[in-house]
Amino acid sequence: MIAKLATEDWEFEQMFGLNYQTFVNEIPQHSQNQTGLLVDKFHDKNKYIIVLQGKDLIGMMAINENRPFSLDQKLENMDALLPPFKNGFEIRLLAVKSEYRGGVVFLKLFAKLAEIIKEKNYDIGLISGILSQQKLYTKIGFVPFGPLVGKDDARFQPMYITLDRYLNGLEKMNLAGKIY
């Protein structure tokens, strides 16, 4: 099992399929289509962290470092709700195949993200965390801010994290040594 940035066409195809499975079939955030693929509206701005087991894509997240973020479009005056920052990014499309949830895939995604945070010197990361996973996000170190976003069965809590909070969250869960 490896975590890496997506670069290959076959990786992107599998990502679009996992996006569809997660954000159309499981979380009704987007409408069904004939292709069974979901390409993010920020695709051209995103970098994608993926976890592969052989040639099987089993987890992914998108990172967008260019504003406006999707949360900028959902929250009025978002910066007023956050601590001051200079260099931020947004996590989008966090998804793990159902049969791999509760294992190390999620941690591998966030370990690779921590490398990128250090490399890019980001001081804040944003996410729209699905309500059913709030306990997990908080345990990792995310802090809720602002009102809920989304609609109907697809409600999300805007959250932020710093590298220090993330590393502290891993230490509290006794996991820092397992993914570094």
N, C-alpha and C. Protein backbone atom coordinates (compact mmCIF):
# COMPACT_ATOMS: atom_id res chain seq x y z
N MET A 1 0.85 -1.18 0.00
CA MET A 1 0.00 0.00 0.00
C MET A 1 0.89 1.24 0.00
N ILE A 2 0.72 2.10 -0.99
CA ILE A 2 1.53 3.31 -1.06
C ILE A 2 0.64 4.55 -1.22
N ALA A 3 1.12 5.67 -0.69
CA ALA A 3 0.46 6.97 -0.88
C ALA A 3 1.36 7.79 -1.78
N LYS A 4 0.74 8.46 -2.75
CA LYS A 4 1.50 9.25 -3.71
C LYS A 4 0.59 10.30 -4.33
N LEU A 5 1.18 11.21 -5.08
CA LEU A 5 0.39 12.13 -5.89
C LEU A 5 -0.03 11.43 -7.17
N ALA A 6 -1.26 11.62 -7.59
CA ALA A 6 -1.77 11.00 -8.82
C ALA A 6 -1.10 11.67 -10.02
N THR A 7 -0.67 10.81 -10.97
CA THR A 7 -0.03 11.31 -12.18
C THR A 7 -0.49 10.58 -13.44
N GLU A 8 -1.01 9.39 -13.28
CA GLU A 8 -1.32 8.53 -14.43
C GLU A 8 -2.81 8.61 -14.80
N ASP A 9 -3.10 8.48 -16.09
CA ASP A 9 -4.49 8.52 -16.55
C ASP A 9 -5.35 7.47 -15.86
N TRP A 10 -4.83 6.25 -15.67
CA TRP A 10 -5.61 5.19 -15.04
C TRP A 10 -5.91 5.52 -13.58
N GLU A 11 -5.02 6.26 -12.92
CA GLU A 11 -5.27 6.69 -11.54
C GLU A 11 -6.42 7.69 -11.51
N PHE A 12 -6.41 8.63 -12.45
CA PHE A 12 -7.49 9.62 -12.51
C PHE A 12 -8.83 8.96 -12.81
N GLU A 13 -8.85 8.01 -13.72
CA GLU A 13 -10.10 7.29 -14.04
C GLU A 13 -10.67 6.63 -12.79
N GLN A 14 -9.81 5.95 -12.03
CA GLN A 14 -10.28 5.29 -10.80
C GLN A 14 -10.73 6.32 -9.76
N MET A 15 -10.04 7.45 -9.70
CA MET A 15 -10.45 8.52 -8.77
C MET A 15 -11.85 9.02 -9.11
N PHE A 16 -12.10 9.26 -10.38
CA PHE A 16 -13.42 9.76 -10.79
C PHE A 16 -14.51 8.74 -10.45
N GLY A 17 -14.19 7.47 -10.55
CA GLY A 17 -15.13 6.42 -10.17
C GLY A 17 -15.37 6.39 -8.67
N LEU A 18 -14.31 6.53 -7.87
CA LEU A 18 -14.47 6.57 -6.41
C LEU A 18 -15.23 7.82 -5.99
N ASN A 19 -14.97 8.94 -6.65
CA ASN A 19 -15.74 10.17 -6.38
C ASN A 19 -17.23 9.92 -6.59
N TYR A 20 -17.56 9.28 -7.70
CA TYR A 20 -18.96 9.01 -8.01
C TYR A 20 -19.57 8.09 -6.96
N GLN A 21 -18.87 7.00 -6.65
CA GLN A 21 -19.37 6.06 -5.65
C GLN A 21 -19.63 6.77 -4.31
N THR A 22 -18.70 7.63 -3.91
CA THR A 22 -18.79 8.28 -2.61
C THR A 22 -19.77 9.45 -2.60
N PHE A 23 -19.64 10.36 -3.58
CA PHE A 23 -20.37 11.63 -3.51
C PHE A 23 -21.64 11.68 -4.34
N VAL A 24 -21.99 10.57 -4.98
CA VAL A 24 -23.28 10.44 -5.65
C VAL A 24 -24.08 9.31 -5.00
N ASN A 25 -23.46 8.13 -4.91
CA ASN A 25 -24.17 6.96 -4.39
C ASN A 25 -24.31 6.94 -2.87
N GLU A 26 -23.22 7.25 -2.15
CA GLU A 26 -23.26 7.18 -0.68
C GLU A 26 -23.73 8.48 -0.04
N ILE A 27 -23.11 9.55 -0.43
CA ILE A 27 -23.46 10.88 0.09
C ILE A 27 -24.11 11.61 -1.08
N PRO A 28 -25.40 11.83 -1.03
CA PRO A 28 -26.10 12.39 -2.21
C PRO A 28 -25.82 13.88 -2.42
N GLN A 29 -24.55 14.17 -2.68
CA GLN A 29 -24.14 15.56 -2.87
C GLN A 29 -24.26 15.98 -4.34
N HIS A 30 -24.14 15.02 -5.25
CA HIS A 30 -24.19 15.30 -6.68
C HIS A 30 -25.20 14.39 -7.35
N SER A 31 -25.65 14.79 -8.53
CA SER A 31 -26.65 14.02 -9.28
C SER A 31 -26.02 12.86 -10.03
N GLN A 32 -26.81 11.82 -10.25
CA GLN A 32 -26.36 10.67 -11.03
C GLN A 32 -26.14 11.08 -12.49
N ASN A 33 -25.26 10.33 -13.16
CA ASN A 33 -25.04 10.54 -14.58
C ASN A 33 -24.83 9.19 -15.26
N GLN A 34 -24.76 9.17 -16.55
CA GLN A 34 -24.63 7.93 -17.32
C GLN A 34 -23.22 7.31 -17.23
N THR A 35 -22.20 8.12 -16.96
CA THR A 35 -20.83 7.63 -17.01
C THR A 35 -20.39 6.89 -15.74
N GLY A 36 -21.02 7.20 -14.61
CA GLY A 36 -20.57 6.63 -13.35
C GLY A 36 -19.26 7.24 -12.88
N LEU A 37 -18.93 8.41 -13.44
CA LEU A 37 -17.71 9.13 -13.06
C LEU A 37 -18.08 10.53 -12.59
N LEU A 38 -17.33 11.05 -11.62
CA LEU A 38 -17.55 12.40 -11.12
C LEU A 38 -16.22 13.14 -11.12
N VAL A 39 -16.13 14.16 -11.97
CA VAL A 39 -14.94 15.01 -12.05
C VAL A 39 -15.23 16.28 -11.27
N ASP A 40 -14.34 16.62 -10.36
CA ASP A 40 -14.51 17.79 -9.50
C ASP A 40 -14.49 19.08 -10.31
N LYS A 41 -15.30 20.05 -9.90
CA LYS A 41 -15.33 21.33 -10.60
C LYS A 41 -14.00 22.08 -10.45
N PHE A 42 -13.20 21.73 -9.46
CA PHE A 42 -11.88 22.33 -9.27
C PHE A 42 -10.76 21.44 -9.80
N HIS A 43 -11.10 20.46 -10.62
CA HIS A 43 -10.13 19.46 -11.06
C HIS A 43 -8.84 20.09 -11.60
N ASP A 44 -8.95 21.11 -12.41
CA ASP A 44 -7.76 21.72 -13.01
C ASP A 44 -6.87 22.43 -11.99
N LYS A 45 -7.41 22.74 -10.83
CA LYS A 45 -6.64 23.40 -9.78
C LYS A 45 -6.13 22.41 -8.72
N ASN A 46 -6.68 21.21 -8.70
CA ASN A 46 -6.37 20.23 -7.65
C ASN A 46 -5.07 19.47 -7.88
N LYS A 47 -4.47 19.07 -6.77
CA LYS A 47 -3.49 17.99 -6.72
C LYS A 47 -4.21 16.87 -5.99
N TYR A 48 -3.91 15.63 -6.33
CA TYR A 48 -4.61 14.50 -5.72
C TYR A 48 -3.63 13.59 -5.01
N ILE A 49 -3.88 13.35 -3.75
CA ILE A 49 -3.15 12.33 -3.00
C ILE A 49 -3.98 11.06 -3.11
N ILE A 50 -3.33 9.98 -3.48
CA ILE A 50 -4.04 8.70 -3.61
C ILE A 50 -3.31 7.62 -2.82
N VAL A 51 -4.05 6.59 -2.45
CA VAL A 51 -3.45 5.40 -1.87
C VAL A 51 -3.78 4.25 -2.81
N LEU A 52 -2.72 3.54 -3.20
CA LEU A 52 -2.85 2.41 -4.11
C LEU A 52 -2.46 1.12 -3.39
N GLN A 53 -3.20 0.08 -3.71
CA GLN A 53 -2.79 -1.27 -3.36
C GLN A 53 -2.61 -1.99 -4.70
N GLY A 54 -1.35 -2.13 -5.10
CA GLY A 54 -1.07 -2.58 -6.45
C GLY A 54 -1.57 -1.51 -7.41
N LYS A 55 -2.45 -1.90 -8.34
CA LYS A 55 -3.02 -0.93 -9.30
C LYS A 55 -4.46 -0.59 -8.93
N ASP A 56 -4.85 -0.87 -7.71
CA ASP A 56 -6.20 -0.58 -7.23
C ASP A 56 -6.17 0.67 -6.37
N LEU A 57 -6.85 1.73 -6.81
CA LEU A 57 -6.95 2.95 -6.03
C LEU A 57 -7.97 2.72 -4.92
N ILE A 58 -7.53 2.86 -3.66
CA ILE A 58 -8.42 2.56 -2.52
C ILE A 58 -8.73 3.77 -1.66
N GLY A 59 -8.05 4.89 -1.90
CA GLY A 59 -8.33 6.10 -1.15
C GLY A 59 -7.80 7.32 -1.87
N MET A 60 -8.39 8.47 -1.59
CA MET A 60 -7.97 9.70 -2.26
C MET A 60 -8.39 10.94 -1.49
N MET A 61 -7.72 12.02 -1.78
CA MET A 61 -8.16 13.36 -1.38
C MET A 61 -7.58 14.35 -2.38
N ALA A 62 -8.33 15.42 -2.59
CA ALA A 62 -7.87 16.50 -3.45
C ALA A 62 -7.37 17.63 -2.57
N ILE A 63 -6.33 18.30 -3.05
CA ILE A 63 -5.81 19.49 -2.37
C ILE A 63 -5.87 20.63 -3.37
N ASN A 64 -6.51 21.72 -2.96
CA ASN A 64 -6.58 22.92 -3.78
C ASN A 64 -5.92 24.05 -2.99
N GLU A 65 -4.87 24.63 -3.56
CA GLU A 65 -4.17 25.70 -2.86
C GLU A 65 -4.46 27.08 -3.46
N ASN A 66 -5.39 27.12 -4.40
CA ASN A 66 -5.69 28.39 -5.08
C ASN A 66 -7.09 28.88 -4.74
N ARG A 67 -7.14 30.06 -4.22
CA ARG A 67 -8.44 30.65 -3.92
C ARG A 67 -9.04 31.23 -5.18
N PRO A 68 -10.36 31.30 -5.25
CA PRO A 68 -11.29 30.99 -4.17
C PRO A 68 -11.45 29.48 -3.97
N PHE A 69 -11.52 29.09 -2.67
CA PHE A 69 -11.81 27.70 -2.31
C PHE A 69 -13.31 27.47 -2.44
N SER A 70 -13.71 26.23 -2.40
CA SER A 70 -15.15 25.95 -2.43
C SER A 70 -15.83 26.55 -1.21
N LEU A 71 -15.14 26.56 -0.06
CA LEU A 71 -15.74 27.16 1.15
C LEU A 71 -15.90 28.68 1.02
N ASP A 72 -15.06 29.33 0.22
CA ASP A 72 -15.25 30.77 -0.02
C ASP A 72 -16.61 31.02 -0.64
N GLN A 73 -17.08 30.08 -1.46
CA GLN A 73 -18.36 30.23 -2.14
C GLN A 73 -19.55 29.89 -1.23
N LYS A 74 -19.28 29.20 -0.12
CA LYS A 74 -20.35 28.76 0.77
C LYS A 74 -20.47 29.59 2.04
N LEU A 75 -19.41 30.29 2.42
CA LEU A 75 -19.41 31.07 3.66
C LEU A 75 -19.07 32.53 3.35
N GLU A 76 -19.94 33.41 3.77
CA GLU A 76 -19.65 34.84 3.62
C GLU A 76 -18.51 35.23 4.54
N ASN A 77 -17.56 35.99 4.02
CA ASN A 77 -16.46 36.51 4.82
C ASN A 77 -15.77 35.41 5.63
N MET A 78 -15.41 34.32 4.97
CA MET A 78 -14.83 33.16 5.64
C MET A 78 -13.59 33.51 6.46
N ASP A 79 -12.75 34.40 5.96
CA ASP A 79 -11.51 34.72 6.68
C ASP A 79 -11.77 35.26 8.08
N ALA A 80 -12.89 35.93 8.28
CA ALA A 80 -13.23 36.46 9.60
C ALA A 80 -13.53 35.34 10.60
N LEU A 81 -13.83 34.14 10.11
CA LEU A 81 -14.15 33.00 10.97
C LEU A 81 -12.92 32.16 11.33
N LEU A 82 -11.79 32.50 10.74
CA LEU A 82 -10.57 31.70 10.89
C LEU A 82 -9.47 32.47 11.62
N PRO A 83 -8.51 31.74 12.21
CA PRO A 83 -7.33 32.45 12.72
C PRO A 83 -6.56 33.03 11.54
N PRO A 84 -5.77 34.06 11.77
CA PRO A 84 -5.00 34.65 10.67
C PRO A 84 -4.09 33.61 10.01
N PHE A 85 -3.98 33.65 8.69
CA PHE A 85 -3.10 32.74 7.96
C PHE A 85 -2.60 33.42 6.70
N LYS A 86 -1.48 32.89 6.18
CA LYS A 86 -0.90 33.43 4.96
C LYS A 86 -0.96 32.46 3.79
N ASN A 87 -0.80 31.16 4.08
CA ASN A 87 -0.64 30.19 3.01
C ASN A 87 -1.51 28.97 3.30
N GLY A 88 -2.73 28.98 2.79
CA GLY A 88 -3.67 27.91 3.09
C GLY A 88 -3.98 27.03 1.90
N PHE A 89 -4.69 25.95 2.20
CA PHE A 89 -5.15 25.02 1.18
C PHE A 89 -6.48 24.44 1.64
N GLU A 90 -7.18 23.80 0.70
CA GLU A 90 -8.45 23.16 1.03
C GLU A 90 -8.37 21.70 0.63
N ILE A 91 -8.82 20.83 1.53
CA ILE A 91 -8.97 19.41 1.26
C ILE A 91 -10.37 19.20 0.72
N ARG A 92 -10.45 18.46 -0.38
CA ARG A 92 -11.74 18.14 -0.99
C ARG A 92 -11.76 16.67 -1.34
N LEU A 93 -12.93 16.12 -1.48
CA LEU A 93 -13.12 14.78 -2.02
C LEU A 93 -12.34 13.71 -1.26
N LEU A 94 -12.36 13.79 0.05
CA LEU A 94 -11.73 12.76 0.87
C LEU A 94 -12.60 11.51 0.81
N ALA A 95 -12.05 10.43 0.26
CA ALA A 95 -12.84 9.22 0.06
C ALA A 95 -11.95 7.99 0.18
N VAL A 96 -12.50 6.95 0.83
CA VAL A 96 -11.84 5.66 0.96
C VAL A 96 -12.86 4.60 0.57
N LYS A 97 -12.44 3.63 -0.25
CA LYS A 97 -13.34 2.54 -0.60
C LYS A 97 -13.89 1.90 0.68
N SER A 98 -15.17 1.57 0.66
CA SER A 98 -15.85 1.12 1.88
C SER A 98 -15.15 -0.05 2.56
N GLU A 99 -14.63 -0.99 1.80
CA GLU A 99 -14.01 -2.17 2.41
C GLU A 99 -12.66 -1.87 3.08
N TYR A 100 -12.12 -0.65 2.89
CA TYR A 100 -10.85 -0.26 3.49
C TYR A 100 -11.01 0.78 4.60
N ARG A 101 -12.22 1.15 4.90
CA ARG A 101 -12.45 2.16 5.94
C ARG A 101 -12.14 1.57 7.32
N GLY A 102 -11.67 2.45 8.21
CA GLY A 102 -11.33 2.02 9.56
C GLY A 102 -9.93 1.44 9.66
N GLY A 103 -9.19 1.47 8.57
CA GLY A 103 -7.82 0.96 8.57
C GLY A 103 -6.82 2.08 8.37
N VAL A 104 -5.70 1.76 7.76
CA VAL A 104 -4.60 2.71 7.64
C VAL A 104 -4.68 3.61 6.42
N VAL A 105 -5.64 3.40 5.53
CA VAL A 105 -5.71 4.20 4.30
C VAL A 105 -5.87 5.68 4.63
N PHE A 106 -6.79 5.99 5.51
CA PHE A 106 -7.03 7.38 5.93
C PHE A 106 -5.74 7.99 6.48
N LEU A 107 -5.04 7.24 7.31
CA LEU A 107 -3.80 7.74 7.91
C LEU A 107 -2.71 7.92 6.87
N LYS A 108 -2.62 7.03 5.90
CA LYS A 108 -1.63 7.18 4.83
C LYS A 108 -1.90 8.44 4.01
N LEU A 109 -3.18 8.72 3.75
CA LEU A 109 -3.52 9.96 3.04
C LEU A 109 -3.03 11.17 3.82
N PHE A 110 -3.30 11.18 5.12
CA PHE A 110 -2.92 12.33 5.94
C PHE A 110 -1.42 12.39 6.22
N ALA A 111 -0.73 11.27 6.20
CA ALA A 111 0.73 11.29 6.32
C ALA A 111 1.35 11.96 5.10
N LYS A 112 0.86 11.59 3.91
CA LYS A 112 1.36 12.22 2.68
C LYS A 112 1.01 13.71 2.68
N LEU A 113 -0.18 14.04 3.16
CA LEU A 113 -0.57 15.44 3.26
C LEU A 113 0.38 16.20 4.18
N ALA A 114 0.77 15.60 5.31
CA ALA A 114 1.70 16.27 6.23
C ALA A 114 3.02 16.59 5.53
N GLU A 115 3.51 15.69 4.67
CA GLU A 115 4.73 15.96 3.90
C GLU A 115 4.54 17.19 3.02
N ILE A 116 3.40 17.27 2.37
CA ILE A 116 3.12 18.39 1.47
C ILE A 116 2.98 19.69 2.26
N ILE A 117 2.33 19.62 3.41
CA ILE A 117 2.19 20.81 4.26
C ILE A 117 3.56 21.34 4.63
N LYS A 118 4.45 20.47 5.05
CA LYS A 118 5.82 20.90 5.42
C LYS A 118 6.55 21.48 4.21
N GLU A 119 6.45 20.79 3.08
CA GLU A 119 7.15 21.21 1.86
C GLU A 119 6.66 22.58 1.38
N LYS A 120 5.36 22.79 1.39
CA LYS A 120 4.77 24.03 0.88
C LYS A 120 4.67 25.12 1.95
N ASN A 121 4.96 24.75 3.19
CA ASN A 121 4.90 25.70 4.30
C ASN A 121 3.49 26.28 4.49
N TYR A 122 2.50 25.42 4.33
CA TYR A 122 1.12 25.85 4.59
C TYR A 122 0.95 26.12 6.07
N ASP A 123 0.14 27.11 6.40
CA ASP A 123 -0.12 27.36 7.82
C ASP A 123 -1.56 27.04 8.22
N ILE A 124 -2.42 26.70 7.25
CA ILE A 124 -3.78 26.28 7.58
C ILE A 124 -4.34 25.42 6.45
N GLY A 125 -5.14 24.46 6.84
CA GLY A 125 -5.85 23.63 5.88
C GLY A 125 -7.33 23.63 6.22
N LEU A 126 -8.16 23.67 5.20
CA LEU A 126 -9.61 23.72 5.39
C LEU A 126 -10.24 22.44 4.84
N ILE A 127 -11.36 22.06 5.41
CA ILE A 127 -12.11 20.91 4.93
C ILE A 127 -13.58 21.12 5.26
N SER A 128 -14.45 20.58 4.42
CA SER A 128 -15.87 20.47 4.75
C SER A 128 -16.05 19.02 5.21
N GLY A 129 -16.09 18.82 6.51
CA GLY A 129 -16.15 17.47 7.07
C GLY A 129 -17.57 16.96 7.17
N ILE A 130 -17.82 15.78 6.61
CA ILE A 130 -19.15 15.18 6.69
C ILE A 130 -19.51 14.99 8.17
N LEU A 131 -20.75 15.28 8.52
CA LEU A 131 -21.16 15.27 9.92
C LEU A 131 -20.93 13.93 10.60
N SER A 132 -21.12 12.84 9.89
CA SER A 132 -20.97 11.51 10.50
C SER A 132 -19.54 11.20 10.93
N GLN A 133 -18.57 11.98 10.46
CA GLN A 133 -17.17 11.72 10.80
C GLN A 133 -16.54 12.83 11.66
N GLN A 134 -17.37 13.64 12.29
CA GLN A 134 -16.85 14.76 13.09
C GLN A 134 -15.91 14.30 14.21
N LYS A 135 -16.22 13.21 14.86
CA LYS A 135 -15.38 12.72 15.96
C LYS A 135 -13.97 12.41 15.45
N LEU A 136 -13.88 11.76 14.30
CA LEU A 136 -12.58 11.42 13.72
C LEU A 136 -11.80 12.68 13.35
N TYR A 137 -12.45 13.62 12.68
CA TYR A 137 -11.76 14.85 12.28
C TYR A 137 -11.26 15.61 13.51
N THR A 138 -12.06 15.68 14.54
CA THR A 138 -11.67 16.39 15.75
C THR A 138 -10.50 15.68 16.43
N LYS A 139 -10.53 14.37 16.44
CA LYS A 139 -9.45 13.59 17.04
C LYS A 139 -8.13 13.86 16.34
N ILE A 140 -8.18 14.03 15.04
CA ILE A 140 -6.97 14.31 14.26
C ILE A 140 -6.46 15.73 14.53
N GLY A 141 -7.36 16.64 14.90
CA GLY A 141 -6.94 18.00 15.21
C GLY A 141 -7.70 19.09 14.49
N PHE A 142 -8.69 18.72 13.68
CA PHE A 142 -9.50 19.74 13.00
C PHE A 142 -10.36 20.49 14.01
N VAL A 143 -10.57 21.77 13.73
CA VAL A 143 -11.37 22.65 14.58
C VAL A 143 -12.58 23.13 13.76
N PRO A 144 -13.80 22.90 14.26
CA PRO A 144 -14.98 23.40 13.54
C PRO A 144 -15.02 24.93 13.53
N PHE A 145 -15.54 25.49 12.45
CA PHE A 145 -15.78 26.94 12.40
C PHE A 145 -16.98 27.19 11.50
N GLY A 146 -17.68 28.26 11.76
CA GLY A 146 -18.79 28.67 10.90
C GLY A 146 -19.97 27.70 10.93
N PRO A 147 -21.02 28.07 10.19
CA PRO A 147 -22.23 27.25 10.14
C PRO A 147 -22.06 26.05 9.21
N LEU A 148 -22.96 25.08 9.33
CA LEU A 148 -22.97 23.93 8.44
C LEU A 148 -23.22 24.37 7.01
N VAL A 149 -22.67 23.60 6.07
CA VAL A 149 -22.88 23.87 4.65
C VAL A 149 -23.41 22.59 4.00
N GLY A 150 -23.90 22.72 2.79
CA GLY A 150 -24.46 21.57 2.08
C GLY A 150 -25.97 21.60 2.13
N LYS A 151 -26.57 20.45 1.79
CA LYS A 151 -28.03 20.41 1.76
C LYS A 151 -28.52 19.01 2.13
N ASP A 152 -29.71 18.94 2.62
CA ASP A 152 -30.43 17.70 2.89
C ASP A 152 -29.55 16.63 3.55
N ASP A 153 -29.32 15.53 2.84
CA ASP A 153 -28.55 14.41 3.40
C ASP A 153 -27.04 14.58 3.23
N ALA A 154 -26.61 15.70 2.73
CA ALA A 154 -25.19 15.96 2.52
C ALA A 154 -24.80 17.24 3.25
N ARG A 155 -24.75 17.15 4.59
CA ARG A 155 -24.40 18.30 5.43
C ARG A 155 -22.96 18.16 5.90
N PHE A 156 -22.24 19.28 5.88
CA PHE A 156 -20.83 19.29 6.21
C PHE A 156 -20.54 20.42 7.19
N GLN A 157 -19.55 20.18 8.06
CA GLN A 157 -19.07 21.20 8.99
C GLN A 157 -17.75 21.74 8.46
N PRO A 158 -17.68 23.04 8.16
CA PRO A 158 -16.37 23.61 7.82
C PRO A 158 -15.41 23.46 9.00
N MET A 159 -14.18 23.08 8.71
CA MET A 159 -13.17 22.86 9.75
C MET A 159 -11.81 23.32 9.22
N TYR A 160 -10.92 23.62 10.16
CA TYR A 160 -9.55 23.94 9.77
C TYR A 160 -8.58 23.14 10.62
N ILE A 161 -7.34 23.04 10.13
CA ILE A 161 -6.27 22.36 10.85
C ILE A 161 -4.95 23.03 10.51
N THR A 162 -4.04 23.00 11.48
CA THR A 162 -2.66 23.42 11.26
C THR A 162 -1.78 22.18 11.36
N LEU A 163 -0.57 22.25 10.88
CA LEU A 163 0.33 21.11 10.95
C LEU A 163 0.57 20.70 12.40
N ASP A 164 0.80 21.68 13.28
CA ASP A 164 1.02 21.36 14.70
C ASP A 164 -0.17 20.62 15.30
N ARG A 165 -1.37 21.08 15.00
CA ARG A 165 -2.58 20.41 15.53
C ARG A 165 -2.68 19.00 14.97
N TYR A 166 -2.34 18.84 13.71
CA TYR A 166 -2.40 17.51 13.09
C TYR A 166 -1.40 16.56 13.76
N LEU A 167 -0.16 17.00 13.89
CA LEU A 167 0.85 16.14 14.51
C LEU A 167 0.50 15.84 15.96
N ASN A 168 -0.02 16.82 16.68
CA ASN A 168 -0.47 16.57 18.06
C ASN A 168 -1.60 15.55 18.09
N GLY A 169 -2.51 15.63 17.13
CA GLY A 169 -3.61 14.67 17.07
C GLY A 169 -3.10 13.26 16.84
N LEU A 170 -2.11 13.10 15.97
CA LEU A 170 -1.53 11.78 15.73
C LEU A 170 -0.86 11.23 16.98
N GLU A 171 -0.14 12.11 17.69
CA GLU A 171 0.52 11.66 18.92
C GLU A 171 -0.50 11.22 19.96
N LYS A 172 -1.58 11.95 20.10
CA LYS A 172 -2.62 11.58 21.06
C LYS A 172 -3.21 10.21 20.73
N MET A 173 -3.29 9.89 19.44
CA MET A 173 -3.85 8.60 19.03
C MET A 173 -2.76 7.52 18.97
N ASN A 174 -1.52 7.88 19.39
CA ASN A 174 -0.41 6.93 19.36
C ASN A 174 -0.13 6.43 17.95
N LEU A 175 -0.27 7.26 16.96
CA LEU A 175 -0.12 6.83 15.58
C LEU A 175 1.04 7.48 14.85
N ALA A 176 1.66 8.50 15.43
CA ALA A 176 2.70 9.23 14.70
C ALA A 176 3.81 8.30 14.21
N GLY A 177 4.26 7.39 15.03
CA GLY A 177 5.33 6.48 14.63
C GLY A 177 4.90 5.43 13.61
N LYS A 178 3.62 5.18 13.49
CA LYS A 178 3.14 4.15 12.57
C LYS A 178 3.06 4.63 11.12
N ILE A 179 3.01 5.95 10.92
CA ILE A 179 2.89 6.42 9.54
C ILE A 179 4.09 7.25 9.10
N TYR A 180 5.01 7.52 9.97
CA TYR A 180 6.24 8.25 9.58
C TYR A 180 7.42 7.33 9.63
